[in-house]
Amino acid sequence: MNTISLSTINLIDQSLANDISKNNMMELAHMLPPTHNGIFECNLGSHSMGEMDFAHGFHTRYDEEGLYAMGKYLQKLSINGEYIERLKSRLSNSGEQLIESIWFEYDTSRPEFTFAPSVFFDMPTINYLYKNLANGDLRLWHRWLNEVLQPFNTPHTIPENIEIVVGCIEALPSYSFVSHIGVMLGREGALKLCATINNTNEVLKYLIEDLGMHCTVESITKIERLLDISDYAVVNIDIRDATIVDNFGIECYISKDHPNNRLWFQYLTHLESMDLCTGMQKASLIDWNFSSPVALDQDFEIHRKINHTKIGVEKGLLQRAKAYLYFLKL
């Protein structure tokens, strides 16, 4: 049974998800194959008007049935439905599992929602990452990217884009690693690189000094305050038309089991002071993160937590924030 149900969706406060987003989510739930986990992506701030998107993922080794069903779903929409099957076929013949999981994102906040995922996220397997890619041989990154992206056969996979991605990987600080590569179907020719940087003091140096991104002094100060609270960060870099887009996102994670949500409360209070989160949204997020597992009317419980937040810089200014609310069927 699909965990995305009216009961699950209604757990989200109206300050985080408006009627358009919830109605689109319900329609999407009727079409998607069963999924037992997911992430509600909630735009924050008074300007957001409760816009919420959705993402869910499948493990390539342990959820073949789910991936097969997703392939069929995509084929119905005439969107790269063969990608999963072609990829799985090549992986099984290569003797090397290149991908840990595949994630799909849906723009359910849009009134003209089309049920098509806007992004495919592919995550390198930990074994392949550390056995091969982490040794610094950039030729292996070329191989991995071509193996993973080739089935799309779209402008996203042009060699120039791949060269830019590899260059961004080469510039990463020590003890950093690539967590996802995104194929952004809704943005012609765009790739998204998501890289984990464990030392949060190195995040802005990497983005501004190493990659040449722009950010005002005031915004840098605000971002540093948020990074100081975070355990680690994941930078989001868009590559389009062989160019690094001069807007970026920073995902902030608080991974430790802190009592009474102390650090999350502190983090969200900072967002509120920056006009990137309202008081009502902050209270709803804390409630989502701190609540015990909830028993729903389908005879199962779900676990809830704030997975992470993402802050976005556009035209050099810190302008937006999103909260990613995770749920899991127990």
C-alpha atoms as a PDB file:
ATOM      1  CA  MET A   1       0.000   0.000   0.000  1.00  0.00           C
ATOM      2  CA  ASN A   2       1.284   3.464  -0.854  1.00  0.00           C
ATOM      3  CA  THR A   3       2.474   5.372   2.189  1.00  0.00           C
ATOM      4  CA  ILE A   4       1.680   8.646   0.396  1.00  0.00           C
ATOM      5  CA  SER A   5      -1.904   8.910   1.522  1.00  0.00           C
ATOM      6  CA  LEU A   6      -4.286  11.607   2.625  1.00  0.00           C
ATOM      7  CA  SER A   7      -3.430  10.763   6.237  1.00  0.00           C
ATOM      8  CA  THR A   8       0.297  11.272   5.635  1.00  0.00           C
ATOM      9  CA  ILE A   9      -0.169  14.479   3.675  1.00  0.00           C
ATOM     10  CA  ASN A  10      -2.557  15.932   6.224  1.00  0.00           C
ATOM     11  CA  LEU A  11       0.140  15.648   8.888  1.00  0.00           C
ATOM     12  CA  ILE A  12       1.789  18.632   7.194  1.00  0.00           C
ATOM     13  CA  ASP A  13       0.635  21.985   8.486  1.00  0.00           C
ATOM     14  CA  GLN A  14      -1.024  24.430   6.101  1.00  0.00           C
ATOM     15  CA  SER A  15       1.861  26.861   6.647  1.00  0.00           C
ATOM     16  CA  LEU A  16       4.135  24.356   4.883  1.00  0.00           C
ATOM     17  CA  ALA A  17       1.782  22.951   2.214  1.00  0.00           C
ATOM     18  CA  ASN A  18      -1.086  24.777   0.544  1.00  0.00           C
ATOM     19  CA  ASP A  19      -4.146  23.174  -1.050  1.00  0.00           C
ATOM     20  CA  ILE A  20      -2.614  23.140  -4.539  1.00  0.00           C
ATOM     21  CA  SER A  21       0.431  21.203  -3.331  1.00  0.00           C
ATOM     22  CA  LYS A  22      -1.651  18.774  -1.266  1.00  0.00           C
ATOM     23  CA  ASN A  23      -4.147  18.140  -4.069  1.00  0.00           C
ATOM     24  CA  ASN A  24      -1.343  17.529  -6.575  1.00  0.00           C
ATOM     25  CA  MET A  25       0.301  15.173  -4.067  1.00  0.00           C
ATOM     26  CA  MET A  26      -2.909  13.167  -3.753  1.00  0.00           C
ATOM     27  CA  GLU A  27      -3.232  12.842  -7.529  1.00  0.00           C
ATOM     28  CA  LEU A  28       0.427  11.835  -7.778  1.00  0.00           C
ATOM     29  CA  ALA A  29      -0.021   9.222  -5.039  1.00  0.00           C
ATOM     30  CA  HIS A  30      -2.731   7.513  -7.080  1.00  0.00           C
ATOM     31  CA  MET A  31      -0.370   7.182 -10.072  1.00  0.00           C
ATOM     32  CA  LEU A  32       2.977   6.322  -8.469  1.00  0.00           C
ATOM     33  CA  PRO A  33       4.036   2.768  -7.636  1.00  0.00           C
ATOM     34  CA  PRO A  34       4.029   2.005  -3.894  1.00  0.00           C
ATOM     35  CA  THR A  35       6.684   3.884  -2.002  1.00  0.00           C
ATOM     36  CA  HIS A  36       7.435   3.439   1.678  1.00  0.00           C
ATOM     37  CA  ASN A  37       9.464   6.585   2.193  1.00  0.00           C
ATOM     38  CA  GLY A  38       9.750  10.044   0.783  1.00  0.00           C
ATOM     39  CA  ILE A  39      10.615  13.674   1.380  1.00  0.00           C
ATOM     40  CA  PHE A  40       8.260  16.640   1.336  1.00  0.00           C
ATOM     41  CA  GLU A  41      10.176  19.700   0.135  1.00  0.00           C
ATOM     42  CA  CYS A  42       8.640  22.756   1.779  1.00  0.00           C
ATOM     43  CA  ASN A  43       9.507  26.278   0.693  1.00  0.00           C
ATOM     44  CA  LEU A  44       9.906  28.549   3.701  1.00  0.00           C
ATOM     45  CA  GLY A  45       9.311  32.228   4.349  1.00  0.00           C
ATOM     46  CA  SER A  46       6.268  34.471   4.126  1.00  0.00           C
ATOM     47  CA  HIS A  47       6.592  34.624   0.325  1.00  0.00           C
ATOM     48  CA  SER A  48       6.397  30.840  -0.148  1.00  0.00           C
ATOM     49  CA  MET A  49       2.597  30.563   0.181  1.00  0.00           C
ATOM     50  CA  GLY A  50       2.880  26.936   1.275  1.00  0.00           C
ATOM     51  CA  GLU A  51       4.553  25.614  -1.877  1.00  0.00           C
ATOM     52  CA  MET A  52       5.606  21.989  -1.408  1.00  0.00           C
ATOM     53  CA  ASP A  53       7.291  19.523  -3.771  1.00  0.00           C
ATOM     54  CA  PHE A  54       7.984  15.813  -3.339  1.00  0.00           C
ATOM     55  CA  ALA A  55      10.864  13.349  -3.794  1.00  0.00           C
ATOM     56  CA  HIS A  56      11.277   9.618  -3.315  1.00  0.00           C
ATOM     57  CA  GLY A  57      14.031   7.104  -3.949  1.00  0.00           C
ATOM     58  CA  PHE A  58      14.698   3.467  -4.747  1.00  0.00           C
ATOM     59  CA  HIS A  59      17.728   1.352  -3.886  1.00  0.00           C
ATOM     60  CA  THR A  60      19.130  -0.238  -7.031  1.00  0.00           C
ATOM     61  CA  ARG A  61      19.969  -3.546  -5.358  1.00  0.00           C
ATOM     62  CA  TYR A  62      17.184  -4.038  -2.832  1.00  0.00           C
ATOM     63  CA  ASP A  63      14.186  -2.455  -4.541  1.00  0.00           C
ATOM     64  CA  GLU A  64      14.228  -3.814  -8.080  1.00  0.00           C
ATOM     65  CA  GLU A  65      10.464  -4.230  -8.075  1.00  0.00           C
ATOM     66  CA  GLY A  66       9.991  -0.558  -7.240  1.00  0.00           C
ATOM     67  CA  LEU A  67      12.455   0.534  -9.920  1.00  0.00           C
ATOM     68  CA  TYR A  68      10.726  -1.652 -12.487  1.00  0.00           C
ATOM     69  CA  ALA A  69       7.393  -0.045 -11.594  1.00  0.00           C
ATOM     70  CA  MET A  70       8.949   3.427 -11.842  1.00  0.00           C
ATOM     71  CA  GLY A  71      10.279   2.570 -15.295  1.00  0.00           C
ATOM     72  CA  LYS A  72       6.754   1.673 -16.392  1.00  0.00           C
ATOM     73  CA  TYR A  73       5.401   4.872 -14.827  1.00  0.00           C
ATOM     74  CA  LEU A  74       7.946   6.961 -16.735  1.00  0.00           C
ATOM     75  CA  GLN A  75       7.214   5.173 -19.986  1.00  0.00           C
ATOM     76  CA  LYS A  76       3.539   6.119 -19.636  1.00  0.00           C
ATOM     77  CA  LEU A  77       4.662   9.733 -19.496  1.00  0.00           C
ATOM     78  CA  SER A  78       7.092   9.244 -22.419  1.00  0.00           C
ATOM     79  CA  ILE A  79       9.994  10.416 -20.254  1.00  0.00           C
ATOM     80  CA  ASN A  80      13.144   8.305 -20.352  1.00  0.00           C
ATOM     81  CA  GLY A  81      11.221   5.279 -19.163  1.00  0.00           C
ATOM     82  CA  GLU A  82      13.832   3.013 -20.729  1.00  0.00           C
ATOM     83  CA  TYR A  83      16.642   4.630 -18.742  1.00  0.00           C
ATOM     84  CA  ILE A  84      16.224   2.413 -15.699  1.00  0.00           C
ATOM     85  CA  GLU A  85      16.035  -0.827 -17.651  1.00  0.00           C
ATOM     86  CA  ARG A  86      18.988   0.071 -19.879  1.00  0.00           C
ATOM     87  CA  LEU A  87      21.025   1.149 -16.891  1.00  0.00           C
ATOM     88  CA  LYS A  88      20.224  -1.976 -14.887  1.00  0.00           C
ATOM     89  CA  SER A  89      21.096  -4.158 -17.868  1.00  0.00           C
ATOM     90  CA  ARG A  90      24.494  -2.517 -18.294  1.00  0.00           C
ATOM     91  CA  LEU A  91      25.209  -2.593 -14.577  1.00  0.00           C
ATOM     92  CA  SER A  92      24.441  -6.288 -14.312  1.00  0.00           C
ATOM     93  CA  ASN A  93      26.829  -6.983 -17.172  1.00  0.00           C
ATOM     94  CA  SER A  94      29.601  -4.710 -15.943  1.00  0.00           C
ATOM     95  CA  GLY A  95      30.284  -6.626 -12.738  1.00  0.00           C
ATOM     96  CA  GLU A  96      30.507  -3.289 -10.925  1.00  0.00           C
ATOM     97  CA  GLN A  97      27.544  -1.665  -9.243  1.00  0.00           C
ATOM     98  CA  LEU A  98      27.893   2.009 -10.080  1.00  0.00           C
ATOM     99  CA  ILE A  99      24.727   3.397  -8.488  1.00  0.00           C
ATOM    100  CA  GLU A 100      23.416   3.052  -4.953  1.00  0.00           C
ATOM    101  CA  SER A 101      19.993   4.598  -5.462  1.00  0.00           C
ATOM    102  CA  ILE A 102      17.895   6.623  -7.876  1.00  0.00           C
ATOM    103  CA  TRP A 103      15.752   9.529  -6.662  1.00  0.00           C
ATOM    104  CA  PHE A 104      12.939  11.348  -8.431  1.00  0.00           C
ATOM    105  CA  GLU A 105      11.632  14.858  -7.720  1.00  0.00           C
ATOM    106  CA  TYR A 106       8.193  16.230  -8.617  1.00  0.00           C
ATOM    107  CA  ASP A 107       7.114  19.877  -8.791  1.00  0.00           C
ATOM    108  CA  THR A 108       3.815  19.375  -6.981  1.00  0.00           C
ATOM    109  CA  SER A 109       3.757  23.050  -5.980  1.00  0.00           C
ATOM    110  CA  ARG A 110       2.953  24.120  -9.535  1.00  0.00           C
ATOM    111  CA  PRO A 111      -0.691  24.661 -10.548  1.00  0.00           C
ATOM    112  CA  GLU A 112       0.179  23.176 -13.968  1.00  0.00           C
ATOM    113  CA  PHE A 113       1.672  20.013 -12.421  1.00  0.00           C
ATOM    114  CA  THR A 114       2.235  17.312 -15.085  1.00  0.00           C
ATOM    115  CA  PHE A 115       3.166  14.243 -12.946  1.00  0.00           C
ATOM    116  CA  ALA A 116       6.602  14.175 -14.600  1.00  0.00           C
ATOM    117  CA  PRO A 117       9.694  14.149 -12.364  1.00  0.00           C
ATOM    118  CA  SER A 118      11.874  17.174 -12.915  1.00  0.00           C
ATOM    119  CA  VAL A 119      15.086  15.599 -11.637  1.00  0.00           C
ATOM    120  CA  PHE A 120      16.712  12.179 -11.573  1.00  0.00           C
ATOM    121  CA  PHE A 121      19.341  11.877  -8.849  1.00  0.00           C
ATOM    122  CA  ASP A 122      21.882   9.093  -9.115  1.00  0.00           C
ATOM    123  CA  MET A 123      24.143   8.328  -6.166  1.00  0.00           C
ATOM    124  CA  PRO A 124      27.456   6.456  -6.586  1.00  0.00           C
ATOM    125  CA  THR A 125      27.699   3.284  -4.539  1.00  0.00           C
ATOM    126  CA  ILE A 126      29.880   3.573  -1.473  1.00  0.00           C
ATOM    127  CA  ASN A 127      32.042   0.630  -2.561  1.00  0.00           C
ATOM    128  CA  TYR A 128      32.663   2.022  -6.021  1.00  0.00           C
ATOM    129  CA  LEU A 129      33.164   5.511  -4.636  1.00  0.00           C
ATOM    130  CA  TYR A 130      35.868   4.559  -2.175  1.00  0.00           C
ATOM    131  CA  LYS A 131      37.518   1.771  -4.173  1.00  0.00           C
ATOM    132  CA  ASN A 132      37.843   3.790  -7.350  1.00  0.00           C
ATOM    133  CA  LEU A 133      36.637   7.378  -7.459  1.00  0.00           C
ATOM    134  CA  ALA A 134      38.180   8.496  -4.181  1.00  0.00           C
ATOM    135  CA  ASN A 135      41.692   7.700  -5.375  1.00  0.00           C
ATOM    136  CA  GLY A 136      41.835  10.935  -7.339  1.00  0.00           C
ATOM    137  CA  ASP A 137      41.831   9.435 -10.833  1.00  0.00           C
ATOM    138  CA  LEU A 138      39.547  11.828 -12.718  1.00  0.00           C
ATOM    139  CA  ARG A 139      39.403   9.457 -15.689  1.00  0.00           C
ATOM    140  CA  LEU A 140      37.218   7.221 -13.536  1.00  0.00           C
ATOM    141  CA  TRP A 141      34.833  10.110 -12.936  1.00  0.00           C
ATOM    142  CA  HIS A 142      34.604  10.564 -16.705  1.00  0.00           C
ATOM    143  CA  ARG A 143      33.773   6.881 -16.995  1.00  0.00           C
ATOM    144  CA  TRP A 144      31.195   6.968 -14.208  1.00  0.00           C
ATOM    145  CA  LEU A 145      29.443  10.043 -15.596  1.00  0.00           C
ATOM    146  CA  ASN A 146      29.334   8.679 -19.125  1.00  0.00           C
ATOM    147  CA  GLU A 147      28.066   5.297 -17.942  1.00  0.00           C
ATOM    148  CA  VAL A 148      25.320   6.849 -15.845  1.00  0.00           C
ATOM    149  CA  LEU A 149      24.281   9.709 -18.112  1.00  0.00           C
ATOM    150  CA  GLN A 150      24.589   8.147 -21.567  1.00  0.00           C
ATOM    151  CA  PRO A 151      21.154   6.448 -21.521  1.00  0.00           C
ATOM    152  CA  PHE A 152      19.438   9.826 -21.360  1.00  0.00           C
ATOM    153  CA  ASN A 153      20.918  10.851 -24.704  1.00  0.00           C
ATOM    154  CA  THR A 154      19.910  14.486 -24.162  1.00  0.00           C
ATOM    155  CA  PRO A 155      21.739  17.834 -24.094  1.00  0.00           C
ATOM    156  CA  HIS A 156      22.447  17.163 -20.406  1.00  0.00           C
ATOM    157  CA  THR A 157      25.141  14.699 -21.404  1.00  0.00           C
ATOM    158  CA  ILE A 158      27.188  16.912 -23.721  1.00  0.00           C
ATOM    159  CA  PRO A 159      30.920  16.371 -23.117  1.00  0.00           C
ATOM    160  CA  GLU A 160      31.384  20.022 -22.116  1.00  0.00           C
ATOM    161  CA  ASN A 161      28.919  19.630 -19.221  1.00  0.00           C
ATOM    162  CA  ILE A 162      30.686  16.502 -18.035  1.00  0.00           C
ATOM    163  CA  GLU A 163      34.052  18.300 -18.185  1.00  0.00           C
ATOM    164  CA  ILE A 164      32.681  21.061 -15.957  1.00  0.00           C
ATOM    165  CA  VAL A 165      31.323  18.518 -13.456  1.00  0.00           C
ATOM    166  CA  VAL A 166      34.678  16.757 -13.277  1.00  0.00           C
ATOM    167  CA  GLY A 167      36.420  20.105 -12.757  1.00  0.00           C
ATOM    168  CA  CYS A 168      34.099  20.894  -9.830  1.00  0.00           C
ATOM    169  CA  ILE A 169      34.856  17.465  -8.358  1.00  0.00           C
ATOM    170  CA  GLU A 170      38.600  18.015  -8.723  1.00  0.00           C
ATOM    171  CA  ALA A 171      38.337  21.282  -6.774  1.00  0.00           C
ATOM    172  CA  LEU A 172      36.516  19.739  -3.806  1.00  0.00           C
ATOM    173  CA  PRO A 173      38.211  20.064  -0.400  1.00  0.00           C
ATOM    174  CA  SER A 174      39.806  17.043   1.254  1.00  0.00           C
ATOM    175  CA  TYR A 175      37.437  14.520   2.859  1.00  0.00           C
ATOM    176  CA  SER A 176      34.583  15.657   0.619  1.00  0.00           C
ATOM    177  CA  PHE A 177      32.689  13.365  -1.731  1.00  0.00           C
ATOM    178  CA  VAL A 178      29.987  13.406  -4.392  1.00  0.00           C
ATOM    179  CA  SER A 179      26.627  12.348  -2.989  1.00  0.00           C
ATOM    180  CA  HIS A 180      24.405  12.759  -6.067  1.00  0.00           C
ATOM    181  CA  ILE A 181      24.408  13.685  -9.716  1.00  0.00           C
ATOM    182  CA  GLY A 182      21.103  15.150 -10.913  1.00  0.00           C
ATOM    183  CA  VAL A 183      19.710  15.185 -14.453  1.00  0.00           C
ATOM    184  CA  MET A 184      17.334  18.147 -14.446  1.00  0.00           C
ATOM    185  CA  LEU A 185      14.726  17.250 -17.017  1.00  0.00           C
ATOM    186  CA  GLY A 186      12.800  20.464 -16.454  1.00  0.00           C
ATOM    187  CA  ARG A 187      15.823  22.603 -17.331  1.00  0.00           C
ATOM    188  CA  GLU A 188      17.178  21.849 -20.770  1.00  0.00           C
ATOM    189  CA  GLY A 189      20.781  20.814 -20.744  1.00  0.00           C
ATOM    190  CA  ALA A 190      21.318  21.125 -16.991  1.00  0.00           C
ATOM    191  CA  LEU A 191      23.108  18.847 -14.543  1.00  0.00           C
ATOM    192  CA  LYS A 192      23.235  19.228 -10.781  1.00  0.00           C
ATOM    193  CA  LEU A 193      26.269  18.237  -8.722  1.00  0.00           C
ATOM    194  CA  CYS A 194      25.624  17.587  -5.024  1.00  0.00           C
ATOM    195  CA  ALA A 195      28.786  17.170  -2.978  1.00  0.00           C
ATOM    196  CA  THR A 196      29.156  16.593   0.760  1.00  0.00           C
ATOM    197  CA  ILE A 197      31.682  18.800   2.557  1.00  0.00           C
ATOM    198  CA  ASN A 198      32.280  17.571   6.087  1.00  0.00           C
ATOM    199  CA  ASN A 199      34.222  20.609   7.257  1.00  0.00           C
ATOM    200  CA  THR A 200      31.617  23.383   7.093  1.00  0.00           C
ATOM    201  CA  ASN A 201      34.370  26.020   7.329  1.00  0.00           C
ATOM    202  CA  GLU A 202      35.423  25.054   3.794  1.00  0.00           C
ATOM    203  CA  VAL A 203      32.016  25.393   2.124  1.00  0.00           C
ATOM    204  CA  LEU A 204      32.105  29.079   1.195  1.00  0.00           C
ATOM    205  CA  LYS A 205      35.796  28.999   0.285  1.00  0.00           C
ATOM    206  CA  TYR A 206      35.052  26.211  -2.193  1.00  0.00           C
ATOM    207  CA  LEU A 207      32.050  27.953  -3.745  1.00  0.00           C
ATOM    208  CA  ILE A 208      33.391  31.515  -3.834  1.00  0.00           C
ATOM    209  CA  GLU A 209      37.170  31.218  -4.147  1.00  0.00           C
ATOM    210  CA  ASP A 210      37.542  27.914  -5.992  1.00  0.00           C
ATOM    211  CA  LEU A 211      34.487  28.022  -8.272  1.00  0.00           C
ATOM    212  CA  GLY A 212      34.116  31.799  -8.581  1.00  0.00           C
ATOM    213  CA  MET A 213      30.554  32.119  -7.252  1.00  0.00           C
ATOM    214  CA  HIS A 214      29.332  35.514  -6.122  1.00  0.00           C
ATOM    215  CA  CYS A 215      27.973  36.273  -2.651  1.00  0.00           C
ATOM    216  CA  THR A 216      27.645  39.554  -0.744  1.00  0.00           C
ATOM    217  CA  VAL A 217      29.440  40.081   2.557  1.00  0.00           C
ATOM    218  CA  GLU A 218      26.105  40.312   4.387  1.00  0.00           C
ATOM    219  CA  SER A 219      24.915  37.012   2.919  1.00  0.00           C
ATOM    220  CA  ILE A 220      28.236  35.339   3.725  1.00  0.00           C
ATOM    221  CA  THR A 221      27.829  36.372   7.374  1.00  0.00           C
ATOM    222  CA  LYS A 222      24.316  34.915   7.494  1.00  0.00           C
ATOM    223  CA  ILE A 223      25.382  31.655   5.851  1.00  0.00           C
ATOM    224  CA  GLU A 224      28.306  31.279   8.260  1.00  0.00           C
ATOM    225  CA  ARG A 225      25.902  31.533  11.210  1.00  0.00           C
ATOM    226  CA  LEU A 226      23.843  28.660   9.796  1.00  0.00           C
ATOM    227  CA  LEU A 227      26.880  26.546   8.912  1.00  0.00           C
ATOM    228  CA  ASP A 228      28.268  26.944  12.437  1.00  0.00           C
ATOM    229  CA  ILE A 229      25.241  25.028  13.752  1.00  0.00           C
ATOM    230  CA  SER A 230      25.291  22.359  11.041  1.00  0.00           C
ATOM    231  CA  ASP A 231      27.159  19.054  11.350  1.00  0.00           C
ATOM    232  CA  TYR A 232      27.983  19.006   7.654  1.00  0.00           C
ATOM    233  CA  ALA A 233      26.802  20.526   4.384  1.00  0.00           C
ATOM    234  CA  VAL A 234      26.030  19.442   0.836  1.00  0.00           C
ATOM    235  CA  VAL A 235      26.654  22.014  -1.894  1.00  0.00           C
ATOM    236  CA  ASN A 236      24.297  22.102  -4.897  1.00  0.00           C
ATOM    237  CA  ILE A 237      25.894  23.319  -8.135  1.00  0.00           C
ATOM    238  CA  ASP A 238      24.048  23.628 -11.444  1.00  0.00           C
ATOM    239  CA  ILE A 239      25.908  23.139 -14.738  1.00  0.00           C
ATOM    240  CA  ARG A 240      24.163  24.261 -17.910  1.00  0.00           C
ATOM    241  CA  ASP A 241      25.465  24.871 -21.430  1.00  0.00           C
ATOM    242  CA  ALA A 242      29.042  24.121 -20.341  1.00  0.00           C
ATOM    243  CA  THR A 243      28.883  26.819 -17.644  1.00  0.00           C
ATOM    244  CA  ILE A 244      28.572  26.829 -13.862  1.00  0.00           C
ATOM    245  CA  VAL A 245      25.379  28.711 -13.033  1.00  0.00           C
ATOM    246  CA  ASP A 246      26.171  31.555 -10.633  1.00  0.00           C
ATOM    247  CA  ASN A 247      23.434  30.558  -8.171  1.00  0.00           C
ATOM    248  CA  PHE A 248      23.992  27.843  -5.592  1.00  0.00           C
ATOM    249  CA  GLY A 249      22.326  25.935  -2.807  1.00  0.00           C
ATOM    250  CA  ILE A 250      23.724  24.676   0.493  1.00  0.00           C
ATOM    251  CA  GLU A 251      22.010  21.802   2.265  1.00  0.00           C
ATOM    252  CA  CYS A 252      22.529  21.938   6.030  1.00  0.00           C
ATOM    253  CA  TYR A 253      22.356  18.756   8.109  1.00  0.00           C
ATOM    254  CA  ILE A 254      22.058  18.339  11.855  1.00  0.00           C
ATOM    255  CA  SER A 255      22.621  14.624  12.141  1.00  0.00           C
ATOM    256  CA  LYS A 256      23.204  14.090  15.835  1.00  0.00           C
ATOM    257  CA  ASP A 257      20.404  13.088  18.191  1.00  0.00           C
ATOM    258  CA  HIS A 258      20.213  16.386  20.025  1.00  0.00           C
ATOM    259  CA  PRO A 259      17.794  16.522  22.978  1.00  0.00           C
ATOM    260  CA  ASN A 260      14.632  18.597  22.599  1.00  0.00           C
ATOM    261  CA  ASN A 261      15.564  19.680  19.085  1.00  0.00           C
ATOM    262  CA  ARG A 262      17.806  22.325  20.614  1.00  0.00           C
ATOM    263  CA  LEU A 263      20.011  22.822  17.550  1.00  0.00           C
ATOM    264  CA  TRP A 264      17.164  22.620  15.071  1.00  0.00           C
ATOM    265  CA  PHE A 265      15.308  25.243  17.104  1.00  0.00           C
ATOM    266  CA  GLN A 266      18.411  27.439  17.117  1.00  0.00           C
ATOM    267  CA  TYR A 267      18.948  26.950  13.378  1.00  0.00           C
ATOM    268  CA  LEU A 268      15.320  27.736  12.496  1.00  0.00           C
ATOM    269  CA  THR A 269      15.360  30.765  14.801  1.00  0.00           C
ATOM    270  CA  HIS A 270      18.283  32.102  12.759  1.00  0.00           C
ATOM    271  CA  LEU A 271      16.269  31.523   9.561  1.00  0.00           C
ATOM    272  CA  GLU A 272      13.339  33.351  11.120  1.00  0.00           C
ATOM    273  CA  SER A 273      15.544  36.342  12.013  1.00  0.00           C
ATOM    274  CA  MET A 274      16.680  36.428   8.359  1.00  0.00           C
ATOM    275  CA  ASP A 275      13.038  36.484   7.136  1.00  0.00           C
ATOM    276  CA  LEU A 276      13.566  33.071   5.533  1.00  0.00           C
ATOM    277  CA  CYS A 277      11.101  31.233   7.816  1.00  0.00           C
ATOM    278  CA  THR A 278       7.940  32.295   9.650  1.00  0.00           C
ATOM    279  CA  GLY A 279       7.210  31.575  13.305  1.00  0.00           C
ATOM    280  CA  MET A 280       4.345  29.277  12.356  1.00  0.00           C
ATOM    281  CA  GLN A 281       6.560  27.332   9.951  1.00  0.00           C
ATOM    282  CA  LYS A 282       9.244  26.977  12.615  1.00  0.00           C
ATOM    283  CA  ALA A 283       6.710  25.543  15.083  1.00  0.00           C
ATOM    284  CA  SER A 284       5.387  23.114  12.438  1.00  0.00           C
ATOM    285  CA  LEU A 285       8.898  21.914  11.562  1.00  0.00           C
ATOM    286  CA  ILE A 286       9.818  21.327  15.198  1.00  0.00           C
ATOM    287  CA  ASP A 287       6.578  19.399  15.676  1.00  0.00           C
ATOM    288  CA  TRP A 288       7.355  17.218  12.641  1.00  0.00           C
ATOM    289  CA  ASN A 289      10.873  16.493  13.863  1.00  0.00           C
ATOM    290  CA  PHE A 290      10.071  15.872  17.511  1.00  0.00           C
ATOM    291  CA  SER A 291       6.854  13.840  17.250  1.00  0.00           C
ATOM    292  CA  SER A 292       6.738  10.135  18.038  1.00  0.00           C
ATOM    293  CA  PRO A 293       5.863   7.670  15.252  1.00  0.00           C
ATOM    294  CA  VAL A 294       2.291   8.246  14.098  1.00  0.00           C
ATOM    295  CA  ALA A 295      -0.239   5.441  13.604  1.00  0.00           C
ATOM    296  CA  LEU A 296      -2.278   6.039  10.451  1.00  0.00           C
ATOM    297  CA  ASP A 297      -5.565   4.587   9.387  1.00  0.00           C
ATOM    298  CA  GLN A 298      -3.909   2.052   7.048  1.00  0.00           C
ATOM    299  CA  ASP A 299      -2.633   0.095  10.056  1.00  0.00           C
ATOM    300  CA  PHE A 300       0.957   1.251   9.851  1.00  0.00           C
ATOM    301  CA  GLU A 301       3.102   3.839  11.578  1.00  0.00           C
ATOM    302  CA  ILE A 302       5.413   6.398  10.032  1.00  0.00           C
ATOM    303  CA  HIS A 303       8.593   7.874  11.438  1.00  0.00           C
ATOM    304  CA  ARG A 304       9.143  11.592  10.791  1.00  0.00           C
ATOM    305  CA  LYS A 305      12.148  13.883  10.948  1.00  0.00           C
ATOM    306  CA  ILE A 306      13.649  16.991   9.389  1.00  0.00           C
ATOM    307  CA  ASN A 307      16.091  15.459   6.944  1.00  0.00           C
ATOM    308  CA  HIS A 308      17.824  18.747   6.153  1.00  0.00           C
ATOM    309  CA  THR A 309      17.256  22.313   5.038  1.00  0.00           C
ATOM    310  CA  LYS A 310      18.570  24.057   1.946  1.00  0.00           C
ATOM    311  CA  ILE A 311      19.442  27.724   1.648  1.00  0.00           C
ATOM    312  CA  GLY A 312      19.707  29.309  -1.778  1.00  0.00           C
ATOM    313  CA  VAL A 313      21.864  32.155  -3.073  1.00  0.00           C
ATOM    314  CA  GLU A 314      20.721  34.005  -6.192  1.00  0.00           C
ATOM    315  CA  LYS A 315      22.470  37.029  -7.671  1.00  0.00           C
ATOM    316  CA  GLY A 316      24.847  36.994  -4.728  1.00  0.00           C
ATOM    317  CA  LEU A 317      22.082  37.247  -2.111  1.00  0.00           C
ATOM    318  CA  LEU A 318      20.779  34.675   0.360  1.00  0.00           C
ATOM    319  CA  GLN A 319      17.163  34.710  -0.763  1.00  0.00           C
ATOM    320  CA  ARG A 320      15.388  31.433  -0.007  1.00  0.00           C
ATOM    321  CA  ALA A 321      15.205  28.402   2.234  1.00  0.00           C
ATOM    322  CA  LYS A 322      13.538  24.999   2.038  1.00  0.00           C
ATOM    323  CA  ALA A 323      12.916  22.302   4.623  1.00  0.00           C
ATOM    324  CA  TYR A 324      13.021  18.636   3.637  1.00  0.00           C
ATOM    325  CA  LEU A 325      10.624  16.573   5.742  1.00  0.00           C
ATOM    326  CA  TYR A 326      11.369  12.862   5.665  1.00  0.00           C
ATOM    327  CA  PHE A 327       8.880  10.084   6.391  1.00  0.00           C
ATOM    328  CA  LEU A 328       9.367   6.313   6.570  1.00  0.00           C
ATOM    329  CA  LYS A 329       6.880   3.486   6.939  1.00  0.00           C
ATOM    330  CA  LEU A 330       7.765   1.412  10.008  1.00  0.00           C
END
